[in-house]
Amino acid sequence: MKFIHATISDPGGRKVNEDAAKSVLLSNEQGCWVVADGLGGHGGGDVASKIAVNSIIEAYQVKPEFSADELDNMLTAAHQAILQGQLDDDRSSTMRSTVVVLTVQNAKAWWAHVGDSRLYYFSLGLIVQQTKDHSVPQVMVDAGDICHDDIRHHEDRNRLTRSLGNNGKLRTTVLNHALPIADGDAFLLCTDGFWEFVTEADMQATLEKSATPKDWLNAMQQLLLDRVPSSHDNYTATAIFVEASP
């Protein structure tokens, strides 16, 4: 088993890209991928997202333990690093970030997230798992007030219930147990600026026609660019293919 991956990150119609992405492969069987989105409207969003991805990757490299507790610890460390950054620079005193993290080891995957940056897991070309946003519209979906597809363009879509850098104890969502993965599986980690304009049906249709992660991202990016307004948000996505070792 090996992992082939690619990333796109673009400021979109904004002057500053507040998204960030980073990854590390320790071997053919072990790696970590992170995507984060600094919250718009908060000073230093671009700083917060970079702190998040750097903190998590550095922590993973020091202690690449494959467990729910360690995922929670890495996200908590990123949270604390952002809080410290708020104290160190008054201009960034309100910076926040979302984050989504995937780790793989010995043909199993584990992931965690805070906010509305998402992970999608594909098997046999279909989405079989995805993260649930920490947002006001998601709360409305859970209550039965709106449908899941309504999240994309809901007026309160940017109102998050959790993020790195909020005061108080961080509440993460970590997958309950590691999932077995197989050759041919795929993962997509992306910020809301990406999934807002690329539907789950789009993801599956373009995956079927793509030979590489880069091909897949390019196909989805073209759909996004055909749909976005001129002032659209930053967008970032990381695609990972699980392939057989040579």
C-alpha atoms as a PDB file:
ATOM      1  CA  MET A   1       0.000   0.000   0.000  1.00  0.00           C
ATOM      2  CA  LYS A   2       1.167   3.518  -0.800  1.00  0.00           C
ATOM      3  CA  PHE A   3      -0.352   6.989  -0.692  1.00  0.00           C
ATOM      4  CA  ILE A   4      -0.329   9.440  -3.591  1.00  0.00           C
ATOM      5  CA  HIS A   5      -1.485  12.959  -2.784  1.00  0.00           C
ATOM      6  CA  ALA A   6      -1.850  16.467  -4.198  1.00  0.00           C
ATOM      7  CA  THR A   7      -2.998  19.830  -2.865  1.00  0.00           C
ATOM      8  CA  ILE A   8      -4.452  23.004  -4.321  1.00  0.00           C
ATOM      9  CA  SER A   9      -4.787  26.252  -2.355  1.00  0.00           C
ATOM     10  CA  ASP A  10      -5.914  29.542  -3.836  1.00  0.00           C
ATOM     11  CA  PRO A  11      -6.921  32.960  -2.430  1.00  0.00           C
ATOM     12  CA  GLY A  12      -9.933  32.981  -4.744  1.00  0.00           C
ATOM     13  CA  GLY A  13     -11.404  36.463  -4.973  1.00  0.00           C
ATOM     14  CA  ARG A  14      -9.663  37.652  -1.798  1.00  0.00           C
ATOM     15  CA  LYS A  15      -6.331  39.436  -1.342  1.00  0.00           C
ATOM     16  CA  VAL A  16      -5.092  37.085   1.381  1.00  0.00           C
ATOM     17  CA  ASN A  17      -5.263  33.298   1.467  1.00  0.00           C
ATOM     18  CA  GLU A  18      -6.264  32.371   5.024  1.00  0.00           C
ATOM     19  CA  ASP A  19      -6.207  28.637   4.250  1.00  0.00           C
ATOM     20  CA  ALA A  20      -3.241  26.343   4.880  1.00  0.00           C
ATOM     21  CA  ALA A  21      -2.371  22.715   4.201  1.00  0.00           C
ATOM     22  CA  LYS A  22       0.544  20.483   5.121  1.00  0.00           C
ATOM     23  CA  SER A  23       1.391  16.780   5.146  1.00  0.00           C
ATOM     24  CA  VAL A  24       4.123  14.300   5.981  1.00  0.00           C
ATOM     25  CA  LEU A  25       4.710  10.685   4.990  1.00  0.00           C
ATOM     26  CA  LEU A  26       6.868   8.751   7.441  1.00  0.00           C
ATOM     27  CA  SER A  27       6.747   5.588   5.279  1.00  0.00           C
ATOM     28  CA  ASN A  28       4.588   3.888   2.649  1.00  0.00           C
ATOM     29  CA  GLU A  29       2.313   2.803   5.480  1.00  0.00           C
ATOM     30  CA  GLN A  30       2.230   5.891   7.699  1.00  0.00           C
ATOM     31  CA  GLY A  31       1.381   9.558   7.180  1.00  0.00           C
ATOM     32  CA  CYS A  32      -0.557  12.645   8.248  1.00  0.00           C
ATOM     33  CA  TRP A  33      -2.439  15.299   6.257  1.00  0.00           C
ATOM     34  CA  VAL A  34      -3.853  18.576   7.609  1.00  0.00           C
ATOM     35  CA  VAL A  35      -6.055  21.325   6.138  1.00  0.00           C
ATOM     36  CA  ALA A  36      -7.028  24.487   8.039  1.00  0.00           C
ATOM     37  CA  ASP A  37      -9.027  27.639   7.348  1.00  0.00           C
ATOM     38  CA  GLY A  38      -8.312  30.853   9.234  1.00  0.00           C
ATOM     39  CA  LEU A  39     -11.636  32.485   9.999  1.00  0.00           C
ATOM     40  CA  GLY A  40     -12.524  35.478   7.850  1.00  0.00           C
ATOM     41  CA  GLY A  41     -13.314  38.623   9.769  1.00  0.00           C
ATOM     42  CA  HIS A  42     -10.815  37.783  12.483  1.00  0.00           C
ATOM     43  CA  GLY A  43      -7.415  39.472  12.367  1.00  0.00           C
ATOM     44  CA  GLY A  44      -4.617  37.028  11.629  1.00  0.00           C
ATOM     45  CA  GLY A  45      -6.688  34.247  10.108  1.00  0.00           C
ATOM     46  CA  ASP A  46      -3.814  33.392   7.778  1.00  0.00           C
ATOM     47  CA  VAL A  47      -1.483  33.227  10.785  1.00  0.00           C
ATOM     48  CA  ALA A  48      -3.879  30.989  12.730  1.00  0.00           C
ATOM     49  CA  SER A  49      -4.229  28.426   9.931  1.00  0.00           C
ATOM     50  CA  LYS A  50      -0.450  28.208   9.476  1.00  0.00           C
ATOM     51  CA  ILE A  51       0.046  27.791  13.227  1.00  0.00           C
ATOM     52  CA  ALA A  52      -2.531  24.985  13.190  1.00  0.00           C
ATOM     53  CA  VAL A  53      -1.026  22.934  10.364  1.00  0.00           C
ATOM     54  CA  ASN A  54       2.578  23.474  11.489  1.00  0.00           C
ATOM     55  CA  SER A  55       1.803  22.583  15.099  1.00  0.00           C
ATOM     56  CA  ILE A  56      -0.002  19.374  14.162  1.00  0.00           C
ATOM     57  CA  ILE A  57       2.595  18.144  11.681  1.00  0.00           C
ATOM     58  CA  GLU A  58       5.440  18.902  14.089  1.00  0.00           C
ATOM     59  CA  ALA A  59       3.649  17.096  16.925  1.00  0.00           C
ATOM     60  CA  TYR A  60       2.983  14.116  14.661  1.00  0.00           C
ATOM     61  CA  GLN A  61       6.615  13.883  13.615  1.00  0.00           C
ATOM     62  CA  VAL A  62       7.741  13.917  17.244  1.00  0.00           C
ATOM     63  CA  LYS A  63       5.135  11.392  18.388  1.00  0.00           C
ATOM     64  CA  PRO A  64       3.439   9.550  15.501  1.00  0.00           C
ATOM     65  CA  GLU A  65       1.198   7.556  17.807  1.00  0.00           C
ATOM     66  CA  PHE A  66      -1.900   6.179  16.081  1.00  0.00           C
ATOM     67  CA  SER A  67      -4.774   6.719  18.498  1.00  0.00           C
ATOM     68  CA  ALA A  68      -7.830   8.861  19.204  1.00  0.00           C
ATOM     69  CA  ASP A  69      -6.132  10.343  22.260  1.00  0.00           C
ATOM     70  CA  GLU A  70      -3.109  11.429  20.257  1.00  0.00           C
ATOM     71  CA  LEU A  71      -5.274  13.047  17.576  1.00  0.00           C
ATOM     72  CA  ASP A  72      -7.094  14.964  20.298  1.00  0.00           C
ATOM     73  CA  ASN A  73      -3.743  15.946  21.831  1.00  0.00           C
ATOM     74  CA  MET A  74      -2.447  17.285  18.502  1.00  0.00           C
ATOM     75  CA  LEU A  75      -5.529  19.425  17.947  1.00  0.00           C
ATOM     76  CA  THR A  76      -5.402  20.676  21.531  1.00  0.00           C
ATOM     77  CA  ALA A  77      -1.735  21.608  21.092  1.00  0.00           C
ATOM     78  CA  ALA A  78      -2.632  23.570  17.949  1.00  0.00           C
ATOM     79  CA  HIS A  79      -5.404  25.303  19.884  1.00  0.00           C
ATOM     80  CA  GLN A  80      -2.977  26.279  22.639  1.00  0.00           C
ATOM     81  CA  ALA A  81      -0.435  27.513  20.085  1.00  0.00           C
ATOM     82  CA  ILE A  82      -3.051  29.821  18.549  1.00  0.00           C
ATOM     83  CA  LEU A  83      -4.084  31.100  21.981  1.00  0.00           C
ATOM     84  CA  GLN A  84      -0.426  31.876  22.695  1.00  0.00           C
ATOM     85  CA  GLY A  85      -0.148  33.647  19.347  1.00  0.00           C
ATOM     86  CA  GLN A  86      -3.105  35.817  20.316  1.00  0.00           C
ATOM     87  CA  LEU A  87      -1.210  36.926  23.430  1.00  0.00           C
ATOM     88  CA  ASP A  88       2.036  37.517  21.558  1.00  0.00           C
ATOM     89  CA  ASP A  89       0.571  39.872  18.937  1.00  0.00           C
ATOM     90  CA  ASP A  90      -2.309  42.270  19.608  1.00  0.00           C
ATOM     91  CA  ARG A  91      -3.055  42.404  15.886  1.00  0.00           C
ATOM     92  CA  SER A  92      -3.898  38.687  16.018  1.00  0.00           C
ATOM     93  CA  SER A  93      -5.758  38.707  19.331  1.00  0.00           C
ATOM     94  CA  THR A  94      -8.962  37.383  17.750  1.00  0.00           C
ATOM     95  CA  MET A  95      -7.489  34.906  15.249  1.00  0.00           C
ATOM     96  CA  ARG A  96      -9.231  31.556  14.908  1.00  0.00           C
ATOM     97  CA  SER A  97      -9.015  28.539  12.623  1.00  0.00           C
ATOM     98  CA  THR A  98     -10.832  25.404  11.590  1.00  0.00           C
ATOM     99  CA  VAL A  99      -8.843  22.206  11.074  1.00  0.00           C
ATOM    100  CA  VAL A 100      -9.266  18.684   9.735  1.00  0.00           C
ATOM    101  CA  VAL A 101      -6.624  15.975  10.168  1.00  0.00           C
ATOM    102  CA  LEU A 102      -6.169  12.526   8.623  1.00  0.00           C
ATOM    103  CA  THR A 103      -3.639   9.974   9.870  1.00  0.00           C
ATOM    104  CA  VAL A 104      -2.985   6.555   8.347  1.00  0.00           C
ATOM    105  CA  GLN A 105      -1.005   3.592   9.613  1.00  0.00           C
ATOM    106  CA  ASN A 106      -0.859  -0.095   8.666  1.00  0.00           C
ATOM    107  CA  ALA A 107      -3.864   0.013   6.316  1.00  0.00           C
ATOM    108  CA  LYS A 108      -6.070   1.899   8.774  1.00  0.00           C
ATOM    109  CA  ALA A 109      -7.229   5.529   8.897  1.00  0.00           C
ATOM    110  CA  TRP A 110      -8.147   7.843  11.749  1.00  0.00           C
ATOM    111  CA  TRP A 111      -9.296  11.449  11.525  1.00  0.00           C
ATOM    112  CA  ALA A 112     -10.464  14.412  13.589  1.00  0.00           C
ATOM    113  CA  HIS A 113     -11.719  17.941  13.033  1.00  0.00           C
ATOM    114  CA  VAL A 114     -12.843  21.232  14.530  1.00  0.00           C
ATOM    115  CA  GLY A 115     -15.069  23.623  12.573  1.00  0.00           C
ATOM    116  CA  ASP A 116     -16.368  23.208   9.029  1.00  0.00           C
ATOM    117  CA  SER A 117     -13.319  22.077   7.092  1.00  0.00           C
ATOM    118  CA  ARG A 118     -14.334  18.618   5.923  1.00  0.00           C
ATOM    119  CA  LEU A 119     -12.978  15.130   5.276  1.00  0.00           C
ATOM    120  CA  TYR A 120     -14.634  12.805   2.780  1.00  0.00           C
ATOM    121  CA  TYR A 121     -13.709   9.111   2.613  1.00  0.00           C
ATOM    122  CA  PHE A 122     -14.380   7.260  -0.661  1.00  0.00           C
ATOM    123  CA  SER A 123     -14.492   3.509  -1.195  1.00  0.00           C
ATOM    124  CA  LEU A 124     -15.357   1.912  -4.547  1.00  0.00           C
ATOM    125  CA  GLY A 125     -15.773   5.458  -5.854  1.00  0.00           C
ATOM    126  CA  LEU A 126     -18.511   6.413  -3.398  1.00  0.00           C
ATOM    127  CA  ILE A 127     -18.534   8.575  -0.262  1.00  0.00           C
ATOM    128  CA  VAL A 128     -18.880   6.224   2.702  1.00  0.00           C
ATOM    129  CA  GLN A 129     -17.910   8.606   5.514  1.00  0.00           C
ATOM    130  CA  GLN A 130     -17.686  12.356   5.965  1.00  0.00           C
ATOM    131  CA  THR A 131     -17.188  14.717   8.874  1.00  0.00           C
ATOM    132  CA  LYS A 132     -20.068  16.712  10.321  1.00  0.00           C
ATOM    133  CA  ASP A 133     -19.604  20.504  10.488  1.00  0.00           C
ATOM    134  CA  HIS A 134     -19.457  22.356  13.777  1.00  0.00           C
ATOM    135  CA  SER A 135     -21.743  25.133  12.557  1.00  0.00           C
ATOM    136  CA  VAL A 136     -25.143  26.694  13.129  1.00  0.00           C
ATOM    137  CA  PRO A 137     -26.609  25.259   9.893  1.00  0.00           C
ATOM    138  CA  GLN A 138     -25.434  21.766  10.899  1.00  0.00           C
ATOM    139  CA  VAL A 139     -27.269  22.187  14.206  1.00  0.00           C
ATOM    140  CA  MET A 140     -30.345  23.069  12.156  1.00  0.00           C
ATOM    141  CA  VAL A 141     -29.885  19.929  10.053  1.00  0.00           C
ATOM    142  CA  ASP A 142     -29.619  17.830  13.216  1.00  0.00           C
ATOM    143  CA  ALA A 143     -32.837  19.415  14.483  1.00  0.00           C
ATOM    144  CA  GLY A 144     -34.625  18.607  11.223  1.00  0.00           C
ATOM    145  CA  ASP A 145     -35.153  22.267  10.315  1.00  0.00           C
ATOM    146  CA  ILE A 146     -33.207  22.172   7.037  1.00  0.00           C
ATOM    147  CA  CYS A 147     -31.710  19.541   4.718  1.00  0.00           C
ATOM    148  CA  HIS A 148     -27.983  18.819   4.578  1.00  0.00           C
ATOM    149  CA  ASP A 149     -27.685  20.308   1.083  1.00  0.00           C
ATOM    150  CA  ASP A 150     -29.106  23.576   2.419  1.00  0.00           C
ATOM    151  CA  ILE A 151     -25.904  24.146   4.416  1.00  0.00           C
ATOM    152  CA  ARG A 152     -24.001  25.208   1.308  1.00  0.00           C
ATOM    153  CA  HIS A 153     -25.746  28.514   0.809  1.00  0.00           C
ATOM    154  CA  HIS A 154     -27.415  29.097   4.147  1.00  0.00           C
ATOM    155  CA  GLU A 155     -27.238  32.675   5.435  1.00  0.00           C
ATOM    156  CA  ASP A 156     -25.632  31.448   8.688  1.00  0.00           C
ATOM    157  CA  ARG A 157     -23.178  29.058   7.022  1.00  0.00           C
ATOM    158  CA  ASN A 158     -20.152  30.925   8.373  1.00  0.00           C
ATOM    159  CA  ARG A 159     -21.354  30.836  11.986  1.00  0.00           C
ATOM    160  CA  LEU A 160     -19.261  28.136  13.647  1.00  0.00           C
ATOM    161  CA  THR A 161     -19.954  26.478  16.984  1.00  0.00           C
ATOM    162  CA  ARG A 162     -16.329  25.380  17.438  1.00  0.00           C
ATOM    163  CA  SER A 163     -12.913  26.563  16.261  1.00  0.00           C
ATOM    164  CA  LEU A 164      -9.275  26.572  17.313  1.00  0.00           C
ATOM    165  CA  GLY A 165      -8.500  29.758  19.250  1.00  0.00           C
ATOM    166  CA  ASN A 166     -11.822  30.146  21.028  1.00  0.00           C
ATOM    167  CA  ASN A 167     -11.550  30.786  24.744  1.00  0.00           C
ATOM    168  CA  GLY A 168     -12.129  27.783  26.987  1.00  0.00           C
ATOM    169  CA  LYS A 169     -11.566  24.056  26.594  1.00  0.00           C
ATOM    170  CA  LEU A 170     -11.360  22.819  23.032  1.00  0.00           C
ATOM    171  CA  ARG A 171     -14.015  20.301  21.960  1.00  0.00           C
ATOM    172  CA  THR A 172     -12.797  18.113  19.116  1.00  0.00           C
ATOM    173  CA  THR A 173     -14.598  15.471  17.107  1.00  0.00           C
ATOM    174  CA  VAL A 174     -12.438  12.380  16.675  1.00  0.00           C
ATOM    175  CA  LEU A 175     -13.455   9.236  14.797  1.00  0.00           C
ATOM    176  CA  ASN A 176     -14.461   6.576  17.338  1.00  0.00           C
ATOM    177  CA  HIS A 177     -12.130   3.917  15.974  1.00  0.00           C
ATOM    178  CA  ALA A 178      -9.619   3.440  13.179  1.00  0.00           C
ATOM    179  CA  LEU A 179     -11.159   2.282   9.886  1.00  0.00           C
ATOM    180  CA  PRO A 180      -9.571  -0.354   7.636  1.00  0.00           C
ATOM    181  CA  ILE A 181      -8.710   1.075   4.211  1.00  0.00           C
ATOM    182  CA  ALA A 182      -7.936  -0.678   0.937  1.00  0.00           C
ATOM    183  CA  ASP A 183      -6.237  -0.103  -2.396  1.00  0.00           C
ATOM    184  CA  GLY A 184      -8.461   2.100  -4.538  1.00  0.00           C
ATOM    185  CA  ASP A 185      -9.826   4.122  -1.642  1.00  0.00           C
ATOM    186  CA  ALA A 186      -9.513   7.918  -1.636  1.00  0.00           C
ATOM    187  CA  PHE A 187      -9.743  10.854   0.764  1.00  0.00           C
ATOM    188  CA  LEU A 188     -10.561  14.516   0.246  1.00  0.00           C
ATOM    189  CA  LEU A 189      -9.806  17.167   2.899  1.00  0.00           C
ATOM    190  CA  CYS A 190     -11.130  20.618   2.030  1.00  0.00           C
ATOM    191  CA  THR A 191     -12.159  24.015   3.350  1.00  0.00           C
ATOM    192  CA  ASP A 192     -15.650  25.468   3.022  1.00  0.00           C
ATOM    193  CA  GLY A 193     -14.552  27.661   0.126  1.00  0.00           C
ATOM    194  CA  PHE A 194     -14.091  24.429  -1.811  1.00  0.00           C
ATOM    195  CA  TRP A 195     -17.047  22.239  -0.786  1.00  0.00           C
ATOM    196  CA  GLU A 196     -19.495  25.143  -1.060  1.00  0.00           C
ATOM    197  CA  PHE A 197     -19.196  24.954  -4.852  1.00  0.00           C
ATOM    198  CA  VAL A 198     -18.295  21.288  -5.383  1.00  0.00           C
ATOM    199  CA  THR A 199     -21.097  18.925  -4.421  1.00  0.00           C
ATOM    200  CA  GLU A 200     -20.718  15.364  -3.184  1.00  0.00           C
ATOM    201  CA  ALA A 201     -22.128  14.141  -6.513  1.00  0.00           C
ATOM    202  CA  ASP A 202     -19.455  16.202  -8.307  1.00  0.00           C
ATOM    203  CA  MET A 203     -16.742  14.671  -6.135  1.00  0.00           C
ATOM    204  CA  GLN A 204     -17.813  11.136  -6.992  1.00  0.00           C
ATOM    205  CA  ALA A 205     -18.299  11.810 -10.717  1.00  0.00           C
ATOM    206  CA  THR A 206     -14.889  13.439 -11.151  1.00  0.00           C
ATOM    207  CA  LEU A 207     -13.153  10.785  -9.043  1.00  0.00           C
ATOM    208  CA  GLU A 208     -14.394   8.069 -11.391  1.00  0.00           C
ATOM    209  CA  LYS A 209     -12.673   9.774 -14.335  1.00  0.00           C
ATOM    210  CA  SER A 210      -9.388  10.709 -12.598  1.00  0.00           C
ATOM    211  CA  ALA A 211      -6.168   8.718 -12.796  1.00  0.00           C
ATOM    212  CA  THR A 212      -4.306  10.757 -10.173  1.00  0.00           C
ATOM    213  CA  PRO A 213      -5.121  12.996  -7.210  1.00  0.00           C
ATOM    214  CA  LYS A 214      -3.942  15.993  -9.220  1.00  0.00           C
ATOM    215  CA  ASP A 215      -6.307  15.115 -12.083  1.00  0.00           C
ATOM    216  CA  TRP A 216      -9.158  14.841  -9.586  1.00  0.00           C
ATOM    217  CA  LEU A 217      -8.412  18.201  -7.979  1.00  0.00           C
ATOM    218  CA  ASN A 218      -8.081  19.881 -11.372  1.00  0.00           C
ATOM    219  CA  ALA A 219     -11.463  18.550 -12.476  1.00  0.00           C
ATOM    220  CA  MET A 220     -13.176  19.713  -9.292  1.00  0.00           C
ATOM    221  CA  GLN A 221     -11.418  23.070  -9.403  1.00  0.00           C
ATOM    222  CA  GLN A 222     -12.747  23.690 -12.900  1.00  0.00           C
ATOM    223  CA  LEU A 223     -16.294  23.044 -11.677  1.00  0.00           C
ATOM    224  CA  LEU A 224     -15.700  25.471  -8.812  1.00  0.00           C
ATOM    225  CA  LEU A 225     -14.344  28.194 -11.086  1.00  0.00           C
ATOM    226  CA  ASP A 226     -17.338  27.839 -13.397  1.00  0.00           C
ATOM    227  CA  ARG A 227     -19.688  28.569 -10.470  1.00  0.00           C
ATOM    228  CA  VAL A 228     -18.060  31.048  -8.091  1.00  0.00           C
ATOM    229  CA  PRO A 229     -18.803  34.783  -7.892  1.00  0.00           C
ATOM    230  CA  SER A 230     -15.909  37.211  -8.322  1.00  0.00           C
ATOM    231  CA  SER A 231     -15.581  37.782  -4.570  1.00  0.00           C
ATOM    232  CA  HIS A 232     -15.476  34.099  -3.625  1.00  0.00           C
ATOM    233  CA  ASP A 233     -13.623  32.747  -0.605  1.00  0.00           C
ATOM    234  CA  ASN A 234     -10.193  31.138  -0.431  1.00  0.00           C
ATOM    235  CA  TYR A 235     -10.326  27.435  -1.252  1.00  0.00           C
ATOM    236  CA  THR A 236      -8.011  24.570  -0.377  1.00  0.00           C
ATOM    237  CA  ALA A 237      -8.222  20.833  -0.949  1.00  0.00           C
ATOM    238  CA  THR A 238      -5.923  17.866  -0.448  1.00  0.00           C
ATOM    239  CA  ALA A 239      -6.654  14.602  -2.286  1.00  0.00           C
ATOM    240  CA  ILE A 240      -5.144  11.253  -1.332  1.00  0.00           C
ATOM    241  CA  PHE A 241      -5.286   8.009  -3.324  1.00  0.00           C
ATOM    242  CA  VAL A 242      -4.593   4.671  -1.661  1.00  0.00           C
ATOM    243  CA  GLU A 243      -2.730   2.493  -4.137  1.00  0.00           C
ATOM    244  CA  ALA A 244      -1.076  -0.901  -4.194  1.00  0.00           C
ATOM    245  CA  SER A 245       2.654  -0.944  -3.547  1.00  0.00           C
ATOM    246  CA  PRO A 246       4.738  -1.806  -6.621  1.00  0.00           C
END
